[in-house]
């Protein structure tokens, strides 16, 4: 996969990036953009909000199964990162 980082803002805790190439893009899909925003939760943890936008060619439409599969891949990646950070708190201190 090929990603482009569009914005990394340490003040607002936002990270925006674009998937511009690779196996995740089907023939009729130009790109996928992601906006991630982190907020502090009341219990001392954090809340991550992810927005994805799919840019298609012409009248092509993704079906719900394809979108669901993409979300599951992103969620799995977050769980791996979370597990690593919990086991290695000095990595982000």
C-alpha atoms as a PDB file:
ATOM      1  CA  UNK A   1       0.000   0.000   0.000  1.00  0.00           C
ATOM      2  CA  UNK A   2       1.086   3.538  -0.644  1.00  0.00           C
ATOM      3  CA  UNK A   3       0.071   6.342   1.728  1.00  0.00           C
ATOM      4  CA  UNK A   4       0.564  10.087   1.702  1.00  0.00           C
ATOM      5  CA  UNK A   5       0.558  12.035   4.972  1.00  0.00           C
ATOM      6  CA  UNK A   6      -1.567  15.138   4.470  1.00  0.00           C
ATOM      7  CA  UNK A   7      -1.509  16.646   7.960  1.00  0.00           C
ATOM      8  CA  UNK A   8      -0.073  15.859  11.371  1.00  0.00           C
ATOM      9  CA  UNK A   9      -1.170  18.416  13.956  1.00  0.00           C
ATOM     10  CA  UNK A  10       0.172  17.938  17.477  1.00  0.00           C
ATOM     11  CA  UNK A  11      -1.917  20.829  18.866  1.00  0.00           C
ATOM     12  CA  UNK A  12      -5.293  19.456  17.727  1.00  0.00           C
ATOM     13  CA  UNK A  13      -4.269  15.779  17.901  1.00  0.00           C
ATOM     14  CA  UNK A  14      -5.306  15.163  14.309  1.00  0.00           C
ATOM     15  CA  UNK A  15      -3.696  13.032  11.641  1.00  0.00           C
ATOM     16  CA  UNK A  16      -4.890  13.020   8.034  1.00  0.00           C
ATOM     17  CA  UNK A  17      -3.558  10.677   5.384  1.00  0.00           C
ATOM     18  CA  UNK A  18      -4.510   9.319   1.977  1.00  0.00           C
ATOM     19  CA  UNK A  19      -4.258   5.826   0.516  1.00  0.00           C
ATOM     20  CA  UNK A  20      -3.094   6.527  -3.030  1.00  0.00           C
ATOM     21  CA  UNK A  21      -1.957   3.116  -4.268  1.00  0.00           C
ATOM     22  CA  UNK A  22      -1.794  -0.579  -3.591  1.00  0.00           C
ATOM     23  CA  UNK A  23      -3.979  -3.664  -3.405  1.00  0.00           C
ATOM     24  CA  UNK A  24      -6.609  -1.964  -1.244  1.00  0.00           C
ATOM     25  CA  UNK A  25      -7.639   0.243  -4.143  1.00  0.00           C
ATOM     26  CA  UNK A  26      -9.933  -1.528  -6.571  1.00  0.00           C
ATOM     27  CA  UNK A  27      -9.935  -0.578 -10.265  1.00  0.00           C
ATOM     28  CA  UNK A  28     -12.635   2.079  -9.941  1.00  0.00           C
ATOM     29  CA  UNK A  29     -11.346   3.667  -6.722  1.00  0.00           C
ATOM     30  CA  UNK A  30      -9.047   6.710  -7.025  1.00  0.00           C
ATOM     31  CA  UNK A  31      -8.104   7.095  -3.359  1.00  0.00           C
ATOM     32  CA  UNK A  32      -9.297   6.834   0.225  1.00  0.00           C
ATOM     33  CA  UNK A  33      -8.713   9.671   2.698  1.00  0.00           C
ATOM     34  CA  UNK A  34      -8.642   9.204   6.458  1.00  0.00           C
ATOM     35  CA  UNK A  35      -9.020  11.783   9.204  1.00  0.00           C
ATOM     36  CA  UNK A  36      -8.122  10.671  12.716  1.00  0.00           C
ATOM     37  CA  UNK A  37      -8.804  12.836  15.752  1.00  0.00           C
ATOM     38  CA  UNK A  38      -7.876  11.951  19.312  1.00  0.00           C
ATOM     39  CA  UNK A  39      -9.727  13.379  22.316  1.00  0.00           C
ATOM     40  CA  UNK A  40      -9.267  12.890  26.018  1.00  0.00           C
ATOM     41  CA  UNK A  41     -11.928  10.690  27.598  1.00  0.00           C
ATOM     42  CA  UNK A  42     -13.418  11.384  31.040  1.00  0.00           C
ATOM     43  CA  UNK A  43     -11.771   8.270  32.514  1.00  0.00           C
ATOM     44  CA  UNK A  44      -8.242   9.415  31.636  1.00  0.00           C
ATOM     45  CA  UNK A  45      -7.919   7.429  28.412  1.00  0.00           C
ATOM     46  CA  UNK A  46      -8.473   8.629  24.892  1.00  0.00           C
ATOM     47  CA  UNK A  47     -11.146   8.470  22.223  1.00  0.00           C
ATOM     48  CA  UNK A  48     -10.197   8.045  18.584  1.00  0.00           C
ATOM     49  CA  UNK A  49     -12.579   9.189  15.862  1.00  0.00           C
ATOM     50  CA  UNK A  50     -11.842   8.045  12.311  1.00  0.00           C
ATOM     51  CA  UNK A  51     -13.545   9.384   9.193  1.00  0.00           C
ATOM     52  CA  UNK A  52     -12.943   7.712   5.830  1.00  0.00           C
ATOM     53  CA  UNK A  53     -13.872   9.125   2.440  1.00  0.00           C
ATOM     54  CA  UNK A  54     -13.858   7.005  -0.704  1.00  0.00           C
ATOM     55  CA  UNK A  55     -13.245   8.684  -4.067  1.00  0.00           C
ATOM     56  CA  UNK A  56     -14.561   6.631  -6.983  1.00  0.00           C
ATOM     57  CA  UNK A  57     -14.371   6.896 -10.763  1.00  0.00           C
ATOM     58  CA  UNK A  58     -17.631   7.679 -12.561  1.00  0.00           C
ATOM     59  CA  UNK A  59     -20.780   5.985 -11.279  1.00  0.00           C
ATOM     60  CA  UNK A  60     -18.920   3.175  -9.529  1.00  0.00           C
ATOM     61  CA  UNK A  61     -20.256   2.495  -6.032  1.00  0.00           C
ATOM     62  CA  UNK A  62     -18.730   0.362  -3.304  1.00  0.00           C
ATOM     63  CA  UNK A  63     -21.007  -2.117  -1.620  1.00  0.00           C
ATOM     64  CA  UNK A  64     -21.400  -2.333   2.151  1.00  0.00           C
ATOM     65  CA  UNK A  65     -19.331  -5.529   2.383  1.00  0.00           C
ATOM     66  CA  UNK A  66     -16.310  -3.831   0.789  1.00  0.00           C
ATOM     67  CA  UNK A  67     -16.606  -0.847   3.131  1.00  0.00           C
ATOM     68  CA  UNK A  68     -17.015  -3.149   6.147  1.00  0.00           C
ATOM     69  CA  UNK A  69     -13.904  -5.142   5.144  1.00  0.00           C
ATOM     70  CA  UNK A  70     -11.888  -1.921   4.893  1.00  0.00           C
ATOM     71  CA  UNK A  71     -13.044  -0.772   8.322  1.00  0.00           C
ATOM     72  CA  UNK A  72     -12.091  -4.124   9.830  1.00  0.00           C
ATOM     73  CA  UNK A  73      -8.552  -3.809   8.425  1.00  0.00           C
ATOM     74  CA  UNK A  74      -8.159  -0.339   9.919  1.00  0.00           C
ATOM     75  CA  UNK A  75      -9.560  -1.521  13.271  1.00  0.00           C
ATOM     76  CA  UNK A  76      -7.132  -4.458  13.339  1.00  0.00           C
ATOM     77  CA  UNK A  77      -4.215  -2.095  12.735  1.00  0.00           C
ATOM     78  CA  UNK A  78      -5.337   0.117  15.630  1.00  0.00           C
ATOM     79  CA  UNK A  79      -5.561  -2.871  17.959  1.00  0.00           C
ATOM     80  CA  UNK A  80      -1.974  -3.891  17.106  1.00  0.00           C
ATOM     81  CA  UNK A  81      -0.698  -0.352  17.753  1.00  0.00           C
ATOM     82  CA  UNK A  82      -2.687  -0.132  20.988  1.00  0.00           C
ATOM     83  CA  UNK A  83      -1.275  -3.439  22.255  1.00  0.00           C
ATOM     84  CA  UNK A  84       2.264  -2.324  21.438  1.00  0.00           C
ATOM     85  CA  UNK A  85       1.854   1.020  23.205  1.00  0.00           C
ATOM     86  CA  UNK A  86       0.330  -0.590  26.286  1.00  0.00           C
ATOM     87  CA  UNK A  87       3.279  -2.983  26.499  1.00  0.00           C
ATOM     88  CA  UNK A  88       5.837  -0.232  25.764  1.00  0.00           C
ATOM     89  CA  UNK A  89       4.714   2.940  27.567  1.00  0.00           C
ATOM     90  CA  UNK A  90       8.152   4.525  27.139  1.00  0.00           C
ATOM     91  CA  UNK A  91       7.664   4.484  23.368  1.00  0.00           C
ATOM     92  CA  UNK A  92       5.280   7.435  23.540  1.00  0.00           C
ATOM     93  CA  UNK A  93       6.163   9.188  26.801  1.00  0.00           C
END
